[in-house]
Amino acid sequence: MMTSVSSPRVVSLVPSFTETLSAWGVTPVACTRFCERPDLDHVGGTKNPDVEKIIALAPDLVVVDAEENRREDYDALRAAGLTVFASDVRGLDDVASTLAALARELGLPIDPVALPAPAPLRRRAFVPIWRRPWMALGRPTYGASLLAHLGVEVVGPEGPYVETSLDEIATFAPDVVLAPSEPYPFTARHFTELSQVAPVIFLDGRDLFWWGVRTPAALRHLERALSDPDP
């Protein structure tokens, strides 16, 4: 049970949750090194958290996500008697319900997530998420559903995150390559290589993969990037 509704001690093992909690005025007592919060105590990575350190912090709540974190760490935290809030965000439609459930867990009033109307299909995109080997964003994933809302269909082999090659991707004839800054840091130095497939637009990977309070603004940022006549 929570010791304090007004100032719960929360450990966040998900960058999206860390950002969202901070926006809600709930500063986690600890987070992962990927959460871009150097001012907070770190408890390892999303896939290799320091479970013993988390237990020692005696948090009121630990927040995890099925895609970001490992089941064995979830089980270990539960076995230690900690309360764990687990999300499973696989698409844009999961965001509002997940945030509402977390707010209820924390006893916080929040405004519902407001999203623009979906756009009609207008482009097909290859979204690389790794290099050596090449991996592509697929479905069902939050990133793909975010782009679909903007009228962009991701193309590539079947599956959420799939290994591929630039030659294979070329057979899908994408209209554009959307190269995010994470999880692999695609930058201008990859432009020539990627442009062999299609014209390239570089994106802030956080807008594509971090869900939560960021989502409405992320849609606006991505829409601007997609509308840029000179990417």
C-alpha atoms as a PDB file:
ATOM      1  CA  MET A   1       0.000   0.000   0.000  1.00  0.00           C
ATOM      2  CA  MET A   2       1.117   3.534  -0.619  1.00  0.00           C
ATOM      3  CA  THR A   3       2.484   5.416   2.373  1.00  0.00           C
ATOM      4  CA  SER A   4       1.596   8.850   0.961  1.00  0.00           C
ATOM      5  CA  VAL A   5      -0.863   9.731  -1.743  1.00  0.00           C
ATOM      6  CA  SER A   6       0.511  13.263  -2.033  1.00  0.00           C
ATOM      7  CA  SER A   7       4.163  12.254  -2.496  1.00  0.00           C
ATOM      8  CA  PRO A   8       4.446   8.576  -3.436  1.00  0.00           C
ATOM      9  CA  ARG A   9       7.885   7.043  -3.781  1.00  0.00           C
ATOM     10  CA  VAL A  10       7.972   5.737  -7.348  1.00  0.00           C
ATOM     11  CA  VAL A  11      10.739   3.914  -9.190  1.00  0.00           C
ATOM     12  CA  SER A  12      10.340   4.154 -12.960  1.00  0.00           C
ATOM     13  CA  LEU A  13      11.900   1.563 -15.253  1.00  0.00           C
ATOM     14  CA  VAL A  14      10.356   3.148 -18.368  1.00  0.00           C
ATOM     15  CA  PRO A  15      11.556   6.431 -19.931  1.00  0.00           C
ATOM     16  CA  SER A  16       8.008   7.262 -21.047  1.00  0.00           C
ATOM     17  CA  PHE A  17       6.731   6.869 -17.496  1.00  0.00           C
ATOM     18  CA  THR A  18       9.597   8.911 -16.055  1.00  0.00           C
ATOM     19  CA  GLU A  19       8.756  11.803 -18.367  1.00  0.00           C
ATOM     20  CA  THR A  20       5.030  11.504 -17.669  1.00  0.00           C
ATOM     21  CA  LEU A  21       5.380  11.255 -13.903  1.00  0.00           C
ATOM     22  CA  SER A  22       7.645  14.309 -13.850  1.00  0.00           C
ATOM     23  CA  ALA A  23       5.072  16.274 -15.850  1.00  0.00           C
ATOM     24  CA  TRP A  24       2.456  15.258 -13.284  1.00  0.00           C
ATOM     25  CA  GLY A  25       4.605  16.587 -10.442  1.00  0.00           C
ATOM     26  CA  VAL A  26       5.654  13.141  -9.209  1.00  0.00           C
ATOM     27  CA  THR A  27       9.458  13.000  -9.324  1.00  0.00           C
ATOM     28  CA  PRO A  28      10.628   9.367  -9.269  1.00  0.00           C
ATOM     29  CA  VAL A  29      13.037   8.447  -6.482  1.00  0.00           C
ATOM     30  CA  ALA A  30      14.974   6.490  -9.110  1.00  0.00           C
ATOM     31  CA  CYS A  31      14.848   5.632 -12.800  1.00  0.00           C
ATOM     32  CA  THR A  32      16.885   3.962 -15.529  1.00  0.00           C
ATOM     33  CA  ARG A  33      19.960   5.436 -17.167  1.00  0.00           C
ATOM     34  CA  PHE A  34      17.940   5.732 -20.400  1.00  0.00           C
ATOM     35  CA  CYS A  35      15.387   8.111 -18.874  1.00  0.00           C
ATOM     36  CA  GLU A  36      17.476  11.234 -19.604  1.00  0.00           C
ATOM     37  CA  ARG A  37      17.313  12.345 -15.970  1.00  0.00           C
ATOM     38  CA  PRO A  38      20.918  12.641 -14.745  1.00  0.00           C
ATOM     39  CA  ASP A  39      19.596  14.436 -11.657  1.00  0.00           C
ATOM     40  CA  LEU A  40      17.850  11.280 -10.420  1.00  0.00           C
ATOM     41  CA  ASP A  41      19.257   8.137  -8.845  1.00  0.00           C
ATOM     42  CA  HIS A  42      19.741   5.415 -11.483  1.00  0.00           C
ATOM     43  CA  VAL A  43      18.975   1.721 -10.991  1.00  0.00           C
ATOM     44  CA  GLY A  44      20.483   0.258 -14.170  1.00  0.00           C
ATOM     45  CA  GLY A  45      18.901  -0.125 -17.577  1.00  0.00           C
ATOM     46  CA  THR A  46      15.477  -1.146 -18.756  1.00  0.00           C
ATOM     47  CA  LYS A  47      16.622  -4.708 -19.497  1.00  0.00           C
ATOM     48  CA  ASN A  48      19.036  -5.082 -16.585  1.00  0.00           C
ATOM     49  CA  PRO A  49      17.761  -3.130 -13.579  1.00  0.00           C
ATOM     50  CA  ASP A  50      19.425  -3.497 -10.186  1.00  0.00           C
ATOM     51  CA  VAL A  51      16.568  -5.301  -8.487  1.00  0.00           C
ATOM     52  CA  GLU A  52      18.255  -5.361  -5.074  1.00  0.00           C
ATOM     53  CA  LYS A  53      18.826  -1.614  -5.191  1.00  0.00           C
ATOM     54  CA  ILE A  54      15.190  -1.028  -6.116  1.00  0.00           C
ATOM     55  CA  ILE A  55      14.047  -3.183  -3.194  1.00  0.00           C
ATOM     56  CA  ALA A  56      16.355  -1.281  -0.838  1.00  0.00           C
ATOM     57  CA  LEU A  57      14.752   2.011  -1.897  1.00  0.00           C
ATOM     58  CA  ALA A  58      11.437   0.732  -0.494  1.00  0.00           C
ATOM     59  CA  PRO A  59       9.280   2.415  -3.151  1.00  0.00           C
ATOM     60  CA  ASP A  60       5.525   2.641  -2.872  1.00  0.00           C
ATOM     61  CA  LEU A  61       5.266   1.761  -6.554  1.00  0.00           C
ATOM     62  CA  VAL A  62       7.478   0.498  -9.379  1.00  0.00           C
ATOM     63  CA  VAL A  63       6.300   1.182 -12.931  1.00  0.00           C
ATOM     64  CA  VAL A  64       7.256  -1.152 -15.789  1.00  0.00           C
ATOM     65  CA  ASP A  65       6.149  -1.939 -19.334  1.00  0.00           C
ATOM     66  CA  ALA A  66       5.831  -5.331 -21.003  1.00  0.00           C
ATOM     67  CA  GLU A  67       7.823  -4.250 -24.049  1.00  0.00           C
ATOM     68  CA  GLU A  68      10.498  -2.220 -22.262  1.00  0.00           C
ATOM     69  CA  ASN A  69      11.215  -4.519 -19.324  1.00  0.00           C
ATOM     70  CA  ARG A  70      11.773  -8.200 -18.589  1.00  0.00           C
ATOM     71  CA  ARG A  71       9.221 -10.519 -17.005  1.00  0.00           C
ATOM     72  CA  GLU A  72      11.824 -11.973 -14.638  1.00  0.00           C
ATOM     73  CA  ASP A  73      12.532  -8.552 -13.132  1.00  0.00           C
ATOM     74  CA  TYR A  74       8.801  -7.920 -12.731  1.00  0.00           C
ATOM     75  CA  ASP A  75       8.435 -11.276 -10.980  1.00  0.00           C
ATOM     76  CA  ALA A  76      11.404 -10.586  -8.683  1.00  0.00           C
ATOM     77  CA  LEU A  77      10.003  -7.213  -7.648  1.00  0.00           C
ATOM     78  CA  ARG A  78       6.589  -8.720  -6.964  1.00  0.00           C
ATOM     79  CA  ALA A  79       8.166 -11.589  -5.015  1.00  0.00           C
ATOM     80  CA  ALA A  80       9.915  -9.005  -2.820  1.00  0.00           C
ATOM     81  CA  GLY A  81       6.509  -7.614  -1.877  1.00  0.00           C
ATOM     82  CA  LEU A  82       6.674  -4.448  -3.978  1.00  0.00           C
ATOM     83  CA  THR A  83       3.631  -3.009  -5.733  1.00  0.00           C
ATOM     84  CA  VAL A  84       4.300  -2.994  -9.486  1.00  0.00           C
ATOM     85  CA  PHE A  85       2.239  -1.199 -12.112  1.00  0.00           C
ATOM     86  CA  ALA A  86       2.734  -2.937 -15.463  1.00  0.00           C
ATOM     87  CA  SER A  87       1.618  -1.433 -18.756  1.00  0.00           C
ATOM     88  CA  ASP A  88       1.514  -3.012 -22.196  1.00  0.00           C
ATOM     89  CA  VAL A  89       1.479  -0.145 -24.684  1.00  0.00           C
ATOM     90  CA  ARG A  90       1.468  -1.527 -28.227  1.00  0.00           C
ATOM     91  CA  GLY A  91      -0.467   1.216 -29.981  1.00  0.00           C
ATOM     92  CA  LEU A  92      -1.707   4.762 -29.802  1.00  0.00           C
ATOM     93  CA  ASP A  93      -5.089   3.588 -28.496  1.00  0.00           C
ATOM     94  CA  ASP A  94      -3.382   2.166 -25.383  1.00  0.00           C
ATOM     95  CA  VAL A  95      -1.960   5.495 -24.205  1.00  0.00           C
ATOM     96  CA  ALA A  96      -5.034   7.171 -22.734  1.00  0.00           C
ATOM     97  CA  SER A  97      -6.195   4.079 -20.829  1.00  0.00           C
ATOM     98  CA  THR A  98      -2.680   3.416 -19.495  1.00  0.00           C
ATOM     99  CA  LEU A  99      -2.239   6.955 -18.216  1.00  0.00           C
ATOM    100  CA  ALA A 100      -5.705   6.922 -16.659  1.00  0.00           C
ATOM    101  CA  ALA A 101      -4.946   3.649 -14.866  1.00  0.00           C
ATOM    102  CA  LEU A 102      -1.630   4.941 -13.541  1.00  0.00           C
ATOM    103  CA  ALA A 103      -3.254   8.180 -12.365  1.00  0.00           C
ATOM    104  CA  ARG A 104      -5.858   6.151 -10.463  1.00  0.00           C
ATOM    105  CA  GLU A 105      -3.085   4.084  -8.878  1.00  0.00           C
ATOM    106  CA  LEU A 106      -1.408   7.276  -7.701  1.00  0.00           C
ATOM    107  CA  GLY A 107      -4.622   9.039  -6.739  1.00  0.00           C
ATOM    108  CA  LEU A 108      -3.984  11.861  -9.207  1.00  0.00           C
ATOM    109  CA  PRO A 109      -6.521  13.801 -11.285  1.00  0.00           C
ATOM    110  CA  ILE A 110      -5.319  14.188 -14.880  1.00  0.00           C
ATOM    111  CA  ASP A 111      -6.738  15.592 -18.074  1.00  0.00           C
ATOM    112  CA  PRO A 112      -7.567  13.022 -20.767  1.00  0.00           C
ATOM    113  CA  VAL A 113      -5.171  12.714 -23.696  1.00  0.00           C
ATOM    114  CA  ALA A 114      -6.483  14.756 -26.617  1.00  0.00           C
ATOM    115  CA  LEU A 115      -5.500  13.554 -30.087  1.00  0.00           C
ATOM    116  CA  PRO A 116      -6.136  15.034 -33.536  1.00  0.00           C
ATOM    117  CA  ALA A 117      -8.337  13.210 -36.016  1.00  0.00           C
ATOM    118  CA  PRO A 118      -6.547  10.468 -37.975  1.00  0.00           C
ATOM    119  CA  ALA A 119      -5.303  11.353 -41.444  1.00  0.00           C
ATOM    120  CA  PRO A 120      -5.937   9.332 -44.624  1.00  0.00           C
ATOM    121  CA  LEU A 121      -3.137   7.144 -45.967  1.00  0.00           C
ATOM    122  CA  ARG A 122      -0.691   9.263 -47.929  1.00  0.00           C
ATOM    123  CA  ARG A 123       2.765   7.654 -47.691  1.00  0.00           C
ATOM    124  CA  ARG A 124       4.536   4.346 -47.132  1.00  0.00           C
ATOM    125  CA  ALA A 125       7.665   4.464 -45.010  1.00  0.00           C
ATOM    126  CA  PHE A 126      10.642   2.356 -44.033  1.00  0.00           C
ATOM    127  CA  VAL A 127      11.592   3.073 -40.416  1.00  0.00           C
ATOM    128  CA  PRO A 128      15.018   1.632 -39.553  1.00  0.00           C
ATOM    129  CA  ILE A 129      15.590   1.037 -35.854  1.00  0.00           C
ATOM    130  CA  TRP A 130      18.996  -0.666 -36.015  1.00  0.00           C
ATOM    131  CA  ARG A 131      21.977  -1.108 -38.291  1.00  0.00           C
ATOM    132  CA  ARG A 132      24.323  -4.097 -38.547  1.00  0.00           C
ATOM    133  CA  PRO A 133      22.036  -5.919 -38.761  1.00  0.00           C
ATOM    134  CA  TRP A 134      19.376  -3.723 -40.282  1.00  0.00           C
ATOM    135  CA  MET A 135      16.108  -3.894 -38.364  1.00  0.00           C
ATOM    136  CA  ALA A 136      12.811  -2.273 -39.263  1.00  0.00           C
ATOM    137  CA  LEU A 137       9.904  -0.980 -37.229  1.00  0.00           C
ATOM    138  CA  GLY A 138       6.813  -3.042 -37.964  1.00  0.00           C
ATOM    139  CA  ARG A 139       3.429  -3.837 -36.437  1.00  0.00           C
ATOM    140  CA  PRO A 140       1.928  -4.013 -33.875  1.00  0.00           C
ATOM    141  CA  THR A 141       3.972  -1.250 -32.255  1.00  0.00           C
ATOM    142  CA  TYR A 142       3.287   2.143 -30.761  1.00  0.00           C
ATOM    143  CA  GLY A 143       5.556   3.850 -33.291  1.00  0.00           C
ATOM    144  CA  ALA A 144       3.763   2.287 -36.259  1.00  0.00           C
ATOM    145  CA  SER A 145       0.345   3.206 -34.863  1.00  0.00           C
ATOM    146  CA  LEU A 146       1.497   6.800 -34.272  1.00  0.00           C
ATOM    147  CA  LEU A 147       2.586   7.079 -37.905  1.00  0.00           C
ATOM    148  CA  ALA A 148      -0.617   5.403 -39.115  1.00  0.00           C
ATOM    149  CA  HIS A 149      -2.578   8.129 -37.312  1.00  0.00           C
ATOM    150  CA  LEU A 150      -0.664  10.615 -39.460  1.00  0.00           C
ATOM    151  CA  GLY A 151      -1.416   8.719 -42.671  1.00  0.00           C
ATOM    152  CA  VAL A 152       1.896   6.857 -42.917  1.00  0.00           C
ATOM    153  CA  GLU A 153       2.038   3.071 -43.331  1.00  0.00           C
ATOM    154  CA  VAL A 154       5.250   1.376 -42.232  1.00  0.00           C
ATOM    155  CA  VAL A 155       6.494  -1.277 -44.663  1.00  0.00           C
ATOM    156  CA  GLY A 156       8.764  -4.258 -44.298  1.00  0.00           C
ATOM    157  CA  PRO A 157       8.658  -7.918 -43.275  1.00  0.00           C
ATOM    158  CA  GLU A 158       5.895  -9.064 -40.929  1.00  0.00           C
ATOM    159  CA  GLY A 159       6.426  -8.542 -37.216  1.00  0.00           C
ATOM    160  CA  PRO A 160       6.918  -5.735 -34.713  1.00  0.00           C
ATOM    161  CA  TYR A 161      10.728  -5.410 -34.900  1.00  0.00           C
ATOM    162  CA  VAL A 162      12.231  -7.434 -37.737  1.00  0.00           C
ATOM    163  CA  GLU A 163      15.668  -8.042 -39.181  1.00  0.00           C
ATOM    164  CA  THR A 164      15.930  -7.116 -42.841  1.00  0.00           C
ATOM    165  CA  SER A 165      18.271  -5.639 -45.456  1.00  0.00           C
ATOM    166  CA  LEU A 166      18.150  -2.499 -47.554  1.00  0.00           C
ATOM    167  CA  ASP A 167      17.744  -4.655 -50.666  1.00  0.00           C
ATOM    168  CA  GLU A 168      14.715  -6.387 -49.149  1.00  0.00           C
ATOM    169  CA  ILE A 169      13.203  -3.099 -48.010  1.00  0.00           C
ATOM    170  CA  ALA A 170      13.609  -1.680 -51.524  1.00  0.00           C
ATOM    171  CA  THR A 171      11.228  -4.385 -52.803  1.00  0.00           C
ATOM    172  CA  PHE A 172       8.457  -2.820 -50.709  1.00  0.00           C
ATOM    173  CA  ALA A 173       8.939   0.459 -52.618  1.00  0.00           C
ATOM    174  CA  PRO A 174       8.612   2.873 -49.669  1.00  0.00           C
ATOM    175  CA  ASP A 175       7.998   6.534 -50.456  1.00  0.00           C
ATOM    176  CA  VAL A 176      10.236   7.742 -47.649  1.00  0.00           C
ATOM    177  CA  VAL A 177      12.762   6.590 -45.055  1.00  0.00           C
ATOM    178  CA  LEU A 178      12.018   7.892 -41.562  1.00  0.00           C
ATOM    179  CA  ALA A 179      15.279   7.598 -39.635  1.00  0.00           C
ATOM    180  CA  PRO A 180      14.871   8.101 -35.861  1.00  0.00           C
ATOM    181  CA  SER A 181      17.589   9.170 -33.437  1.00  0.00           C
ATOM    182  CA  GLU A 182      16.968   6.104 -31.247  1.00  0.00           C
ATOM    183  CA  PRO A 183      17.284   3.253 -30.451  1.00  0.00           C
ATOM    184  CA  TYR A 184      20.044   3.449 -33.085  1.00  0.00           C
ATOM    185  CA  PRO A 185      21.367   7.006 -33.454  1.00  0.00           C
ATOM    186  CA  PHE A 186      20.741   7.653 -37.146  1.00  0.00           C
ATOM    187  CA  THR A 187      22.232  10.975 -38.243  1.00  0.00           C
ATOM    188  CA  ALA A 188      23.232  12.811 -41.413  1.00  0.00           C
ATOM    189  CA  ARG A 189      26.227  10.517 -41.835  1.00  0.00           C
ATOM    190  CA  HIS A 190      23.779   7.733 -42.783  1.00  0.00           C
ATOM    191  CA  PHE A 191      22.000   9.849 -45.379  1.00  0.00           C
ATOM    192  CA  THR A 192      23.754   8.465 -48.467  1.00  0.00           C
ATOM    193  CA  GLU A 193      23.234   4.859 -47.409  1.00  0.00           C
ATOM    194  CA  LEU A 194      19.554   5.282 -46.541  1.00  0.00           C
ATOM    195  CA  SER A 195      18.739   7.439 -49.554  1.00  0.00           C
ATOM    196  CA  GLN A 196      19.442   4.438 -51.793  1.00  0.00           C
ATOM    197  CA  VAL A 197      16.017   3.215 -50.619  1.00  0.00           C
ATOM    198  CA  ALA A 198      13.983   6.454 -50.674  1.00  0.00           C
ATOM    199  CA  PRO A 199      14.198  10.123 -49.660  1.00  0.00           C
ATOM    200  CA  VAL A 200      15.229  10.423 -46.006  1.00  0.00           C
ATOM    201  CA  ILE A 201      13.692  12.379 -43.134  1.00  0.00           C
ATOM    202  CA  PHE A 202      15.445  12.325 -39.764  1.00  0.00           C
ATOM    203  CA  LEU A 203      13.210  12.223 -36.685  1.00  0.00           C
ATOM    204  CA  ASP A 204      13.566  12.656 -32.942  1.00  0.00           C
ATOM    205  CA  GLY A 205      13.242   9.054 -31.787  1.00  0.00           C
ATOM    206  CA  ARG A 206      11.621  10.136 -28.542  1.00  0.00           C
ATOM    207  CA  ASP A 207       8.653  11.491 -30.488  1.00  0.00           C
ATOM    208  CA  LEU A 208       8.284   8.162 -32.235  1.00  0.00           C
ATOM    209  CA  PHE A 209       8.789   5.807 -29.287  1.00  0.00           C
ATOM    210  CA  TRP A 210       8.153   7.657 -26.014  1.00  0.00           C
ATOM    211  CA  TRP A 211       4.433   7.579 -25.249  1.00  0.00           C
ATOM    212  CA  GLY A 212       2.586   9.381 -22.477  1.00  0.00           C
ATOM    213  CA  VAL A 213       2.254  13.107 -21.885  1.00  0.00           C
ATOM    214  CA  ARG A 214       4.556  13.553 -24.896  1.00  0.00           C
ATOM    215  CA  THR A 215       2.100  11.918 -27.324  1.00  0.00           C
ATOM    216  CA  PRO A 216      -0.019  14.939 -28.438  1.00  0.00           C
ATOM    217  CA  ALA A 217       3.063  17.124 -28.988  1.00  0.00           C
ATOM    218  CA  ALA A 218       4.891  14.224 -30.651  1.00  0.00           C
ATOM    219  CA  LEU A 219       2.125  13.962 -33.226  1.00  0.00           C
ATOM    220  CA  ARG A 220       2.521  17.661 -33.991  1.00  0.00           C
ATOM    221  CA  HIS A 221       6.316  17.364 -34.248  1.00  0.00           C
ATOM    222  CA  LEU A 222       6.085  14.357 -36.565  1.00  0.00           C
ATOM    223  CA  GLU A 223       3.443  16.051 -38.701  1.00  0.00           C
ATOM    224  CA  ARG A 224       5.764  19.036 -39.190  1.00  0.00           C
ATOM    225  CA  ALA A 225       8.672  16.761 -40.084  1.00  0.00           C
ATOM    226  CA  LEU A 226       6.554  14.860 -42.601  1.00  0.00           C
ATOM    227  CA  SER A 227       5.284  18.084 -44.127  1.00  0.00           C
ATOM    228  CA  ASP A 228       8.733  19.607 -44.608  1.00  0.00           C
ATOM    229  CA  PRO A 229       9.173  20.023 -48.376  1.00  0.00           C
ATOM    230  CA  ASP A 230      12.950  19.939 -47.998  1.00  0.00           C
ATOM    231  CA  PRO A 231      13.854  17.255 -45.420  1.00  0.00           C
END
